[in-house]
Amino acid sequence: MKKKGLVFDIQRGSITNGPGIRTTVFLKGCPLNCVWCHNPESKSPRVQVMPEEDEDTNQLTRRWRREVGQDNQFINDRYELKNVNGETVAKEVYGPCLQEQFSIIGKWMEVEEIMSIVLRDQKFYGKEGGLTLSGGEPFAQPQFLLSLLKAARDKGIHTCIDTAGYCNDRYLKESISVTDLYLFDIKLFDASEHKKYTGKDNSRILNNLQQLLSNGMLVRVRFPIVPGINDNPDFLKSIAHFYSQNPSILEVELMPYKRYWLGKYPQLVSNNNFRDKKPLDPIKLNEMVKRLNGLGIPVIN
């Protein structure tokens, strides 16, 4: 099992990524390219270096080489740190002092390093809280994911995976023995629409969900609700039909589109059409929840 992985954030005391109070570890890398993604810094599986205002990648590369003293490295158009042979730098090549000089996204961390944080937080978890692994897509680093889950399970800590389900079913199967709860995103039901807005069709995702349910796993299915894409009665009907076919689903969650990415790394967003997209109206979201509840579907909001 892999003992080192690329992390872009750790949230301590989270109450939005599973039951109770949790420590959420966000891993870099995602095979999907959702146009509404609010964590654009999570998509690349590599260390990224962000420019200062009005600084292009060539200027950033020159500043990096000057201040770090490594002439064999450059910053590509995805802001990934690469070397002159085109190979992506796959290890930590900078010290803590550089965090003050550069905005660096991604830190290589050992399983033991993360578990030391989790164990410090364990006293706050109570009966429901624990560790959640999110992303990006946490299954994009499958061996590191499994190592973390096993380490937490060995300490009696509740484990949860927040996944979009686009992953190798082999690793999904391996995760079952060390995972207590899955937060499983479904973006859209129509395969062509799913590919249009995420870059991939959804057959693998739906198959993986069925695998979890057939193994009796606890699964909360989460639907991102995006204005103009799936905030409509037809999508609610699809959710209702899907739930009727899969009654073993623990619960359903509707997640409203928000514009978090505008305050983080807007330069990483390739879909400029979403720069003017407004967040979902909370009143409309509540109406959607009430409608599903009225159909007997356990929806949390």
C-alpha atoms as a PDB file:
ATOM      1  CA  MET A   1       0.000   0.000   0.000  1.00  0.00           C
ATOM      2  CA  LYS A   2       1.187   3.511  -0.788  1.00  0.00           C
ATOM      3  CA  LYS A   3       2.311   5.462   2.263  1.00  0.00           C
ATOM      4  CA  LYS A   4       2.499   8.927   0.711  1.00  0.00           C
ATOM      5  CA  GLY A   5      -0.140  10.963  -1.092  1.00  0.00           C
ATOM      6  CA  LEU A   6      -0.816  14.436  -2.437  1.00  0.00           C
ATOM      7  CA  VAL A   7      -3.172  16.463  -0.227  1.00  0.00           C
ATOM      8  CA  PHE A   8      -4.523  19.921  -0.982  1.00  0.00           C
ATOM      9  CA  ASP A   9      -6.422  20.600   2.249  1.00  0.00           C
ATOM     10  CA  ILE A  10      -7.323  19.177   5.644  1.00  0.00           C
ATOM     11  CA  GLN A  11     -10.417  20.496   7.373  1.00  0.00           C
ATOM     12  CA  ARG A  12     -10.649  19.840  11.088  1.00  0.00           C
ATOM     13  CA  GLY A  13     -13.976  19.985  12.895  1.00  0.00           C
ATOM     14  CA  SER A  14     -16.035  19.658   9.707  1.00  0.00           C
ATOM     15  CA  ILE A  15     -19.778  18.964  10.038  1.00  0.00           C
ATOM     16  CA  THR A  16     -20.597  18.839   6.313  1.00  0.00           C
ATOM     17  CA  ASN A  17     -18.717  15.743   5.157  1.00  0.00           C
ATOM     18  CA  GLY A  18     -20.473  12.963   7.012  1.00  0.00           C
ATOM     19  CA  PRO A  19     -22.063  12.459  10.436  1.00  0.00           C
ATOM     20  CA  GLY A  20     -20.774  14.152  13.565  1.00  0.00           C
ATOM     21  CA  ILE A  21     -17.580  16.153  13.841  1.00  0.00           C
ATOM     22  CA  ARG A  22     -14.989  14.985  11.350  1.00  0.00           C
ATOM     23  CA  THR A  23     -11.505  15.493  10.021  1.00  0.00           C
ATOM     24  CA  THR A  24     -11.752  15.731   6.234  1.00  0.00           C
ATOM     25  CA  VAL A  25      -8.677  15.088   4.099  1.00  0.00           C
ATOM     26  CA  PHE A  26      -8.923  16.392   0.532  1.00  0.00           C
ATOM     27  CA  LEU A  27      -6.760  14.519  -1.988  1.00  0.00           C
ATOM     28  CA  LYS A  28      -5.658  16.035  -5.296  1.00  0.00           C
ATOM     29  CA  GLY A  29      -6.654  14.553  -8.632  1.00  0.00           C
ATOM     30  CA  CYS A  30     -10.002  13.932 -10.329  1.00  0.00           C
ATOM     31  CA  PRO A  31     -10.886  12.103 -13.578  1.00  0.00           C
ATOM     32  CA  LEU A  32     -14.023  14.212 -14.057  1.00  0.00           C
ATOM     33  CA  ASN A  33     -14.090  17.785 -15.302  1.00  0.00           C
ATOM     34  CA  CYS A  34     -17.386  19.139 -13.958  1.00  0.00           C
ATOM     35  CA  VAL A  35     -18.098  22.602 -15.312  1.00  0.00           C
ATOM     36  CA  TRP A  36     -19.509  23.688 -11.919  1.00  0.00           C
ATOM     37  CA  CYS A  37     -16.626  22.387  -9.793  1.00  0.00           C
ATOM     38  CA  HIS A  38     -16.090  24.554  -6.707  1.00  0.00           C
ATOM     39  CA  ASN A  39     -12.685  22.987  -5.974  1.00  0.00           C
ATOM     40  CA  PRO A  40     -10.783  23.644  -9.241  1.00  0.00           C
ATOM     41  CA  GLU A  41      -7.503  23.218  -7.368  1.00  0.00           C
ATOM     42  CA  SER A  42      -8.457  19.587  -6.787  1.00  0.00           C
ATOM     43  CA  LYS A  43      -8.490  18.491 -10.442  1.00  0.00           C
ATOM     44  CA  SER A  44      -4.791  18.180 -11.218  1.00  0.00           C
ATOM     45  CA  PRO A  45      -2.991  15.217  -9.580  1.00  0.00           C
ATOM     46  CA  ARG A  46       0.198  17.292  -9.434  1.00  0.00           C
ATOM     47  CA  VAL A  47       1.710  20.056  -7.332  1.00  0.00           C
ATOM     48  CA  GLN A  48       0.604  23.428  -8.724  1.00  0.00           C
ATOM     49  CA  VAL A  49       2.153  26.869  -8.304  1.00  0.00           C
ATOM     50  CA  MET A  50      -0.161  29.864  -8.592  1.00  0.00           C
ATOM     51  CA  PRO A  51       0.958  33.144 -10.186  1.00  0.00           C
ATOM     52  CA  GLU A  52       0.687  36.548  -8.631  1.00  0.00           C
ATOM     53  CA  GLU A  53      -1.725  39.027 -10.174  1.00  0.00           C
ATOM     54  CA  ASP A  54      -0.960  39.727 -13.860  1.00  0.00           C
ATOM     55  CA  GLU A  55       1.920  37.205 -13.827  1.00  0.00           C
ATOM     56  CA  ASP A  56       1.958  34.680 -16.675  1.00  0.00           C
ATOM     57  CA  THR A  57       3.444  31.196 -16.492  1.00  0.00           C
ATOM     58  CA  ASN A  58       6.729  32.238 -18.095  1.00  0.00           C
ATOM     59  CA  GLN A  59       7.214  34.970 -15.511  1.00  0.00           C
ATOM     60  CA  LEU A  60       6.254  32.546 -12.756  1.00  0.00           C
ATOM     61  CA  THR A  61       8.783  30.002 -14.061  1.00  0.00           C
ATOM     62  CA  ARG A  62      11.539  32.614 -14.094  1.00  0.00           C
ATOM     63  CA  ARG A  63      10.689  33.690 -10.529  1.00  0.00           C
ATOM     64  CA  TRP A  64      10.620  30.052  -9.395  1.00  0.00           C
ATOM     65  CA  ARG A  65      14.026  29.322 -10.935  1.00  0.00           C
ATOM     66  CA  ARG A  66      15.488  32.522  -9.493  1.00  0.00           C
ATOM     67  CA  GLU A  67      14.204  32.067  -5.951  1.00  0.00           C
ATOM     68  CA  VAL A  68      14.369  28.265  -5.687  1.00  0.00           C
ATOM     69  CA  GLY A  69      17.580  27.878  -7.672  1.00  0.00           C
ATOM     70  CA  GLN A  70      16.356  24.990  -9.824  1.00  0.00           C
ATOM     71  CA  ASP A  71      16.890  25.849 -13.495  1.00  0.00           C
ATOM     72  CA  ASN A  72      15.584  22.508 -14.755  1.00  0.00           C
ATOM     73  CA  GLN A  73      11.969  23.196 -13.758  1.00  0.00           C
ATOM     74  CA  PHE A  74       9.142  25.192 -15.323  1.00  0.00           C
ATOM     75  CA  ILE A  75       5.423  25.849 -14.814  1.00  0.00           C
ATOM     76  CA  ASN A  76       3.129  24.511 -17.545  1.00  0.00           C
ATOM     77  CA  ASP A  77      -0.225  25.938 -18.674  1.00  0.00           C
ATOM     78  CA  ARG A  78      -2.008  24.012 -15.901  1.00  0.00           C
ATOM     79  CA  TYR A  79       0.341  25.639 -13.369  1.00  0.00           C
ATOM     80  CA  GLU A  80       1.910  22.249 -12.672  1.00  0.00           C
ATOM     81  CA  LEU A  81       5.550  22.099 -11.645  1.00  0.00           C
ATOM     82  CA  LYS A  82       7.452  20.160 -14.340  1.00  0.00           C
ATOM     83  CA  ASN A  83      11.047  19.599 -15.390  1.00  0.00           C
ATOM     84  CA  VAL A  84      12.683  20.293 -18.736  1.00  0.00           C
ATOM     85  CA  ASN A  85      12.058  16.746 -19.952  1.00  0.00           C
ATOM     86  CA  GLY A  86       8.320  17.251 -19.563  1.00  0.00           C
ATOM     87  CA  GLU A  87       8.105  15.047 -16.477  1.00  0.00           C
ATOM     88  CA  THR A  88       5.815  16.278 -13.716  1.00  0.00           C
ATOM     89  CA  VAL A  89       7.616  16.781 -10.452  1.00  0.00           C
ATOM     90  CA  ALA A  90       6.303  13.978  -8.247  1.00  0.00           C
ATOM     91  CA  LYS A  91       7.889  14.845  -4.946  1.00  0.00           C
ATOM     92  CA  GLU A  92       8.139  17.755  -2.586  1.00  0.00           C
ATOM     93  CA  VAL A  93      10.975  19.943  -3.809  1.00  0.00           C
ATOM     94  CA  TYR A  94      10.420  23.011  -1.692  1.00  0.00           C
ATOM     95  CA  GLY A  95      10.773  23.916   1.956  1.00  0.00           C
ATOM     96  CA  PRO A  96       8.226  25.603   4.250  1.00  0.00           C
ATOM     97  CA  CYS A  97       9.834  29.008   3.631  1.00  0.00           C
ATOM     98  CA  LEU A  98       8.690  28.890   0.001  1.00  0.00           C
ATOM     99  CA  GLN A  99       5.057  28.840   1.082  1.00  0.00           C
ATOM    100  CA  GLU A 100       5.528  32.532   1.902  1.00  0.00           C
ATOM    101  CA  GLN A 101       6.963  33.287  -1.549  1.00  0.00           C
ATOM    102  CA  PHE A 102       4.653  31.121  -3.676  1.00  0.00           C
ATOM    103  CA  SER A 103       1.063  29.996  -3.507  1.00  0.00           C
ATOM    104  CA  ILE A 104       1.629  26.229  -3.712  1.00  0.00           C
ATOM    105  CA  ILE A 105      -1.316  23.858  -4.080  1.00  0.00           C
ATOM    106  CA  GLY A 106      -0.608  20.333  -2.926  1.00  0.00           C
ATOM    107  CA  LYS A 107       1.557  18.827  -0.227  1.00  0.00           C
ATOM    108  CA  TRP A 108       2.953  15.293  -0.179  1.00  0.00           C
ATOM    109  CA  MET A 109       2.078  13.725   3.182  1.00  0.00           C
ATOM    110  CA  GLU A 110       2.750  10.385   4.851  1.00  0.00           C
ATOM    111  CA  VAL A 111      -0.076   8.240   6.237  1.00  0.00           C
ATOM    112  CA  GLU A 112       1.467   8.587   9.697  1.00  0.00           C
ATOM    113  CA  GLU A 113       1.568  12.379   9.360  1.00  0.00           C
ATOM    114  CA  ILE A 114      -2.146  12.557   8.583  1.00  0.00           C
ATOM    115  CA  MET A 115      -3.038  10.020  11.270  1.00  0.00           C
ATOM    116  CA  SER A 116      -1.239  12.116  13.881  1.00  0.00           C
ATOM    117  CA  ILE A 117      -3.731  14.908  13.079  1.00  0.00           C
ATOM    118  CA  VAL A 118      -6.688  12.508  13.098  1.00  0.00           C
ATOM    119  CA  LEU A 119      -5.689  11.044  16.460  1.00  0.00           C
ATOM    120  CA  ARG A 120      -5.380  14.523  17.983  1.00  0.00           C
ATOM    121  CA  ASP A 121      -8.937  15.219  16.812  1.00  0.00           C
ATOM    122  CA  GLN A 122     -10.326  11.865  17.938  1.00  0.00           C
ATOM    123  CA  LYS A 123     -11.502  13.204  21.310  1.00  0.00           C
ATOM    124  CA  PHE A 124     -13.994  15.458  19.481  1.00  0.00           C
ATOM    125  CA  TYR A 125     -15.560  12.761  17.308  1.00  0.00           C
ATOM    126  CA  GLY A 126     -17.944  11.262  19.859  1.00  0.00           C
ATOM    127  CA  LYS A 127     -20.022   8.317  18.657  1.00  0.00           C
ATOM    128  CA  GLU A 128     -20.690   9.572  15.122  1.00  0.00           C
ATOM    129  CA  GLY A 129     -17.657  11.556  13.959  1.00  0.00           C
ATOM    130  CA  GLY A 130     -14.440  10.379  12.361  1.00  0.00           C
ATOM    131  CA  LEU A 131     -12.320  10.594   9.225  1.00  0.00           C
ATOM    132  CA  THR A 132     -13.645  11.524   5.777  1.00  0.00           C
ATOM    133  CA  LEU A 133     -11.542  11.228   2.624  1.00  0.00           C
ATOM    134  CA  SER A 134     -12.615  13.583  -0.145  1.00  0.00           C
ATOM    135  CA  GLY A 135     -11.140  15.388  -3.126  1.00  0.00           C
ATOM    136  CA  GLY A 136     -10.996  15.836  -6.006  1.00  0.00           C
ATOM    137  CA  GLU A 137     -11.731  12.173  -6.282  1.00  0.00           C
ATOM    138  CA  PRO A 138     -10.090  10.212  -3.448  1.00  0.00           C
ATOM    139  CA  PHE A 139     -10.039   7.025  -5.553  1.00  0.00           C
ATOM    140  CA  ALA A 140      -7.651   8.842  -7.919  1.00  0.00           C
ATOM    141  CA  GLN A 141      -4.993   7.912  -5.320  1.00  0.00           C
ATOM    142  CA  PRO A 142      -6.349   4.432  -4.538  1.00  0.00           C
ATOM    143  CA  GLN A 143      -3.452   2.850  -2.676  1.00  0.00           C
ATOM    144  CA  PHE A 144      -2.938   5.894  -0.467  1.00  0.00           C
ATOM    145  CA  LEU A 145      -6.690   6.041   0.150  1.00  0.00           C
ATOM    146  CA  LEU A 146      -6.769   2.400   1.250  1.00  0.00           C
ATOM    147  CA  SER A 147      -3.722   2.864   3.483  1.00  0.00           C
ATOM    148  CA  LEU A 148      -5.387   5.782   5.274  1.00  0.00           C
ATOM    149  CA  LEU A 149      -8.670   3.918   5.700  1.00  0.00           C
ATOM    150  CA  LYS A 150      -6.908   0.876   7.153  1.00  0.00           C
ATOM    151  CA  ALA A 151      -4.866   3.013   9.538  1.00  0.00           C
ATOM    152  CA  ALA A 152      -8.021   4.727  10.795  1.00  0.00           C
ATOM    153  CA  ARG A 153      -9.962   1.479  11.083  1.00  0.00           C
ATOM    154  CA  ASP A 154      -7.108  -0.033  13.120  1.00  0.00           C
ATOM    155  CA  LYS A 155      -7.598   2.818  15.619  1.00  0.00           C
ATOM    156  CA  GLY A 156     -11.364   2.288  15.822  1.00  0.00           C
ATOM    157  CA  ILE A 157     -12.156   5.511  13.937  1.00  0.00           C
ATOM    158  CA  HIS A 158     -15.311   5.810  11.827  1.00  0.00           C
ATOM    159  CA  THR A 159     -14.365   6.100   8.137  1.00  0.00           C
ATOM    160  CA  CYS A 160     -16.173   7.778   5.270  1.00  0.00           C
ATOM    161  CA  ILE A 161     -15.396   8.270   1.572  1.00  0.00           C
ATOM    162  CA  ASP A 162     -16.808  11.213  -0.380  1.00  0.00           C
ATOM    163  CA  THR A 163     -16.660   9.994  -3.985  1.00  0.00           C
ATOM    164  CA  ALA A 164     -18.080  10.656  -7.435  1.00  0.00           C
ATOM    165  CA  GLY A 165     -17.782   6.938  -8.125  1.00  0.00           C
ATOM    166  CA  TYR A 166     -15.702   7.143 -11.305  1.00  0.00           C
ATOM    167  CA  CYS A 167     -13.016   4.653 -10.330  1.00  0.00           C
ATOM    168  CA  ASN A 168     -11.696   1.147 -10.864  1.00  0.00           C
ATOM    169  CA  ASP A 169     -14.125  -1.326  -9.301  1.00  0.00           C
ATOM    170  CA  ARG A 170     -11.196  -3.309  -7.935  1.00  0.00           C
ATOM    171  CA  TYR A 171     -10.278  -0.512  -5.542  1.00  0.00           C
ATOM    172  CA  LEU A 172     -13.907   0.104  -4.706  1.00  0.00           C
ATOM    173  CA  LYS A 173     -14.217  -3.548  -3.632  1.00  0.00           C
ATOM    174  CA  GLU A 174     -11.058  -3.272  -1.534  1.00  0.00           C
ATOM    175  CA  SER A 175     -12.438  -0.207   0.243  1.00  0.00           C
ATOM    176  CA  ILE A 176     -15.571  -2.007   1.450  1.00  0.00           C
ATOM    177  CA  SER A 177     -13.883  -3.786   4.352  1.00  0.00           C
ATOM    178  CA  VAL A 178     -12.431  -0.552   5.780  1.00  0.00           C
ATOM    179  CA  THR A 179     -15.233   1.975   5.087  1.00  0.00           C
ATOM    180  CA  ASP A 180     -18.288   2.675   7.252  1.00  0.00           C
ATOM    181  CA  LEU A 181     -20.105   5.165   5.020  1.00  0.00           C
ATOM    182  CA  TYR A 182     -19.997   6.371   1.418  1.00  0.00           C
ATOM    183  CA  LEU A 183     -21.079   9.832   0.308  1.00  0.00           C
ATOM    184  CA  PHE A 184     -21.732   9.066  -3.348  1.00  0.00           C
ATOM    185  CA  ASP A 185     -22.309  11.878  -5.864  1.00  0.00           C
ATOM    186  CA  ILE A 186     -24.549  11.471  -8.867  1.00  0.00           C
ATOM    187  CA  LYS A 187     -24.383  14.479 -11.162  1.00  0.00           C
ATOM    188  CA  LEU A 188     -26.880  13.516 -13.867  1.00  0.00           C
ATOM    189  CA  PHE A 189     -28.742  10.392 -14.972  1.00  0.00           C
ATOM    190  CA  ASP A 190     -28.606  10.854 -18.734  1.00  0.00           C
ATOM    191  CA  ALA A 191     -25.297   9.485 -20.063  1.00  0.00           C
ATOM    192  CA  SER A 192     -24.878  12.044 -22.844  1.00  0.00           C
ATOM    193  CA  GLU A 193     -25.699  14.966 -20.545  1.00  0.00           C
ATOM    194  CA  HIS A 194     -23.299  13.585 -17.958  1.00  0.00           C
ATOM    195  CA  LYS A 195     -20.506  13.440 -20.531  1.00  0.00           C
ATOM    196  CA  LYS A 196     -21.328  16.938 -21.761  1.00  0.00           C
ATOM    197  CA  TYR A 197     -20.973  18.500 -18.315  1.00  0.00           C
ATOM    198  CA  THR A 198     -18.339  16.266 -16.686  1.00  0.00           C
ATOM    199  CA  GLY A 199     -16.288  14.882 -19.585  1.00  0.00           C
ATOM    200  CA  LYS A 200     -17.247  11.244 -18.845  1.00  0.00           C
ATOM    201  CA  ASP A 201     -20.377   9.149 -19.208  1.00  0.00           C
ATOM    202  CA  ASN A 202     -21.931   7.723 -16.056  1.00  0.00           C
ATOM    203  CA  SER A 203     -22.081   3.969 -16.697  1.00  0.00           C
ATOM    204  CA  ARG A 204     -19.068   3.183 -14.498  1.00  0.00           C
ATOM    205  CA  ILE A 205     -20.426   5.438 -11.760  1.00  0.00           C
ATOM    206  CA  LEU A 206     -23.847   3.793 -11.673  1.00  0.00           C
ATOM    207  CA  ASN A 207     -22.317   0.304 -11.790  1.00  0.00           C
ATOM    208  CA  ASN A 208     -20.055   1.124  -8.853  1.00  0.00           C
ATOM    209  CA  LEU A 209     -22.997   2.432  -6.850  1.00  0.00           C
ATOM    210  CA  GLN A 210     -24.867  -0.808  -7.472  1.00  0.00           C
ATOM    211  CA  GLN A 211     -21.849  -2.756  -6.265  1.00  0.00           C
ATOM    212  CA  LEU A 212     -21.844  -0.884  -2.958  1.00  0.00           C
ATOM    213  CA  LEU A 213     -25.569  -1.339  -2.440  1.00  0.00           C
ATOM    214  CA  SER A 214     -25.456  -5.045  -3.310  1.00  0.00           C
ATOM    215  CA  ASN A 215     -22.782  -5.464  -0.631  1.00  0.00           C
ATOM    216  CA  GLY A 216     -25.045  -3.876   1.964  1.00  0.00           C
ATOM    217  CA  MET A 217     -22.954  -0.738   2.404  1.00  0.00           C
ATOM    218  CA  LEU A 218     -24.340   2.446   3.914  1.00  0.00           C
ATOM    219  CA  VAL A 219     -24.572   4.973   1.081  1.00  0.00           C
ATOM    220  CA  ARG A 220     -25.808   8.547   1.126  1.00  0.00           C
ATOM    221  CA  VAL A 221     -26.434   9.599  -2.472  1.00  0.00           C
ATOM    222  CA  ARG A 222     -25.748  13.279  -3.094  1.00  0.00           C
ATOM    223  CA  PHE A 223     -27.040  15.269  -6.045  1.00  0.00           C
ATOM    224  CA  PRO A 224     -25.391  18.614  -6.925  1.00  0.00           C
ATOM    225  CA  ILE A 225     -28.241  20.887  -8.021  1.00  0.00           C
ATOM    226  CA  VAL A 226     -27.021  23.382 -10.628  1.00  0.00           C
ATOM    227  CA  PRO A 227     -29.248  26.190 -11.974  1.00  0.00           C
ATOM    228  CA  GLY A 228     -30.121  25.698 -15.623  1.00  0.00           C
ATOM    229  CA  ILE A 229     -28.832  22.114 -15.692  1.00  0.00           C
ATOM    230  CA  ASN A 230     -30.773  19.920 -13.289  1.00  0.00           C
ATOM    231  CA  ASP A 231     -32.896  22.220 -11.094  1.00  0.00           C
ATOM    232  CA  ASN A 232     -36.092  21.090 -12.764  1.00  0.00           C
ATOM    233  CA  PRO A 233     -39.109  18.796 -12.154  1.00  0.00           C
ATOM    234  CA  ASP A 234     -37.810  16.176 -14.602  1.00  0.00           C
ATOM    235  CA  PHE A 235     -34.641  15.688 -12.572  1.00  0.00           C
ATOM    236  CA  LEU A 236     -36.686  15.311  -9.390  1.00  0.00           C
ATOM    237  CA  LYS A 237     -38.748  12.637 -11.137  1.00  0.00           C
ATOM    238  CA  SER A 238     -35.518  10.880 -12.082  1.00  0.00           C
ATOM    239  CA  ILE A 239     -34.342  10.967  -8.463  1.00  0.00           C
ATOM    240  CA  ALA A 240     -37.682   9.558  -7.292  1.00  0.00           C
ATOM    241  CA  HIS A 241     -37.549   6.757  -9.855  1.00  0.00           C
ATOM    242  CA  PHE A 242     -33.945   5.970  -9.022  1.00  0.00           C
ATOM    243  CA  TYR A 243     -34.734   5.768  -5.314  1.00  0.00           C
ATOM    244  CA  SER A 244     -37.716   3.479  -5.962  1.00  0.00           C
ATOM    245  CA  GLN A 245     -35.347   1.111  -7.787  1.00  0.00           C
ATOM    246  CA  ASN A 246     -32.744   1.308  -4.989  1.00  0.00           C
ATOM    247  CA  PRO A 247     -34.604   1.494  -1.649  1.00  0.00           C
ATOM    248  CA  SER A 248     -31.521   0.368   0.301  1.00  0.00           C
ATOM    249  CA  ILE A 249     -29.991   3.834  -0.174  1.00  0.00           C
ATOM    250  CA  LEU A 250     -29.513   5.269   3.314  1.00  0.00           C
ATOM    251  CA  GLU A 251     -30.612   8.791   2.409  1.00  0.00           C
ATOM    252  CA  VAL A 252     -30.534  11.424  -0.308  1.00  0.00           C
ATOM    253  CA  GLU A 253     -28.891  14.846  -0.140  1.00  0.00           C
ATOM    254  CA  LEU A 254     -29.374  17.825  -2.442  1.00  0.00           C
ATOM    255  CA  MET A 255     -26.295  20.029  -2.666  1.00  0.00           C
ATOM    256  CA  PRO A 256     -26.880  23.517  -4.083  1.00  0.00           C
ATOM    257  CA  TYR A 257     -24.392  25.007  -6.543  1.00  0.00           C
ATOM    258  CA  LYS A 258     -22.302  27.742  -4.923  1.00  0.00           C
ATOM    259  CA  ARG A 259     -19.575  29.972  -6.279  1.00  0.00           C
ATOM    260  CA  TYR A 260     -16.817  29.058  -3.828  1.00  0.00           C
ATOM    261  CA  TRP A 261     -14.224  28.799  -6.605  1.00  0.00           C
ATOM    262  CA  LEU A 262     -14.413  32.554  -7.338  1.00  0.00           C
ATOM    263  CA  GLY A 263     -12.767  33.266  -3.997  1.00  0.00           C
ATOM    264  CA  LYS A 264     -10.065  30.640  -4.421  1.00  0.00           C
ATOM    265  CA  TYR A 265      -8.389  29.909  -7.769  1.00  0.00           C
ATOM    266  CA  PRO A 266     -10.526  31.335 -10.612  1.00  0.00           C
ATOM    267  CA  GLN A 267      -7.527  31.100 -12.963  1.00  0.00           C
ATOM    268  CA  LEU A 268      -7.889  27.306 -12.821  1.00  0.00           C
ATOM    269  CA  VAL A 269     -11.459  27.358 -14.159  1.00  0.00           C
ATOM    270  CA  SER A 270     -11.619  26.706 -17.898  1.00  0.00           C
ATOM    271  CA  ASN A 271     -15.386  27.160 -18.283  1.00  0.00           C
ATOM    272  CA  ASN A 272     -15.879  30.920 -18.314  1.00  0.00           C
ATOM    273  CA  ASN A 273     -19.641  30.528 -18.822  1.00  0.00           C
ATOM    274  CA  PHE A 274     -19.944  29.726 -15.127  1.00  0.00           C
ATOM    275  CA  ARG A 275     -18.332  32.959 -13.983  1.00  0.00           C
ATOM    276  CA  ASP A 276     -21.745  34.653 -14.128  1.00  0.00           C
ATOM    277  CA  LYS A 277     -23.773  31.659 -12.925  1.00  0.00           C
ATOM    278  CA  LYS A 278     -25.712  32.591  -9.785  1.00  0.00           C
ATOM    279  CA  PRO A 279     -25.970  30.242  -6.785  1.00  0.00           C
ATOM    280  CA  LEU A 280     -29.091  28.140  -6.398  1.00  0.00           C
ATOM    281  CA  ASP A 281     -31.935  29.997  -4.677  1.00  0.00           C
ATOM    282  CA  PRO A 282     -32.352  28.526  -1.143  1.00  0.00           C
ATOM    283  CA  ILE A 283     -36.139  28.824  -1.459  1.00  0.00           C
ATOM    284  CA  LYS A 284     -36.087  26.705  -4.598  1.00  0.00           C
ATOM    285  CA  LEU A 285     -33.857  24.133  -2.903  1.00  0.00           C
ATOM    286  CA  ASN A 286     -36.278  23.853   0.022  1.00  0.00           C
ATOM    287  CA  GLU A 287     -39.163  23.355  -2.385  1.00  0.00           C
ATOM    288  CA  MET A 288     -37.272  20.514  -4.086  1.00  0.00           C
ATOM    289  CA  VAL A 289     -36.531  18.874  -0.733  1.00  0.00           C
ATOM    290  CA  LYS A 290     -40.185  19.111   0.342  1.00  0.00           C
ATOM    291  CA  ARG A 291     -41.344  17.584  -2.916  1.00  0.00           C
ATOM    292  CA  LEU A 292     -39.035  14.580  -2.526  1.00  0.00           C
ATOM    293  CA  ASN A 293     -39.942  14.197   1.137  1.00  0.00           C
ATOM    294  CA  GLY A 294     -43.597  14.139   0.086  1.00  0.00           C
ATOM    295  CA  LEU A 295     -42.779  11.147  -2.110  1.00  0.00           C
ATOM    296  CA  GLY A 296     -41.399   9.280   0.888  1.00  0.00           C
ATOM    297  CA  ILE A 297     -37.736   9.833   0.017  1.00  0.00           C
ATOM    298  CA  PRO A 298     -35.509  10.556   3.060  1.00  0.00           C
ATOM    299  CA  VAL A 299     -33.804  13.797   2.014  1.00  0.00           C
ATOM    300  CA  ILE A 300     -31.369  15.675   4.221  1.00  0.00           C
ATOM    301  CA  ASN A 301     -30.682  19.335   3.592  1.00  0.00           C
END
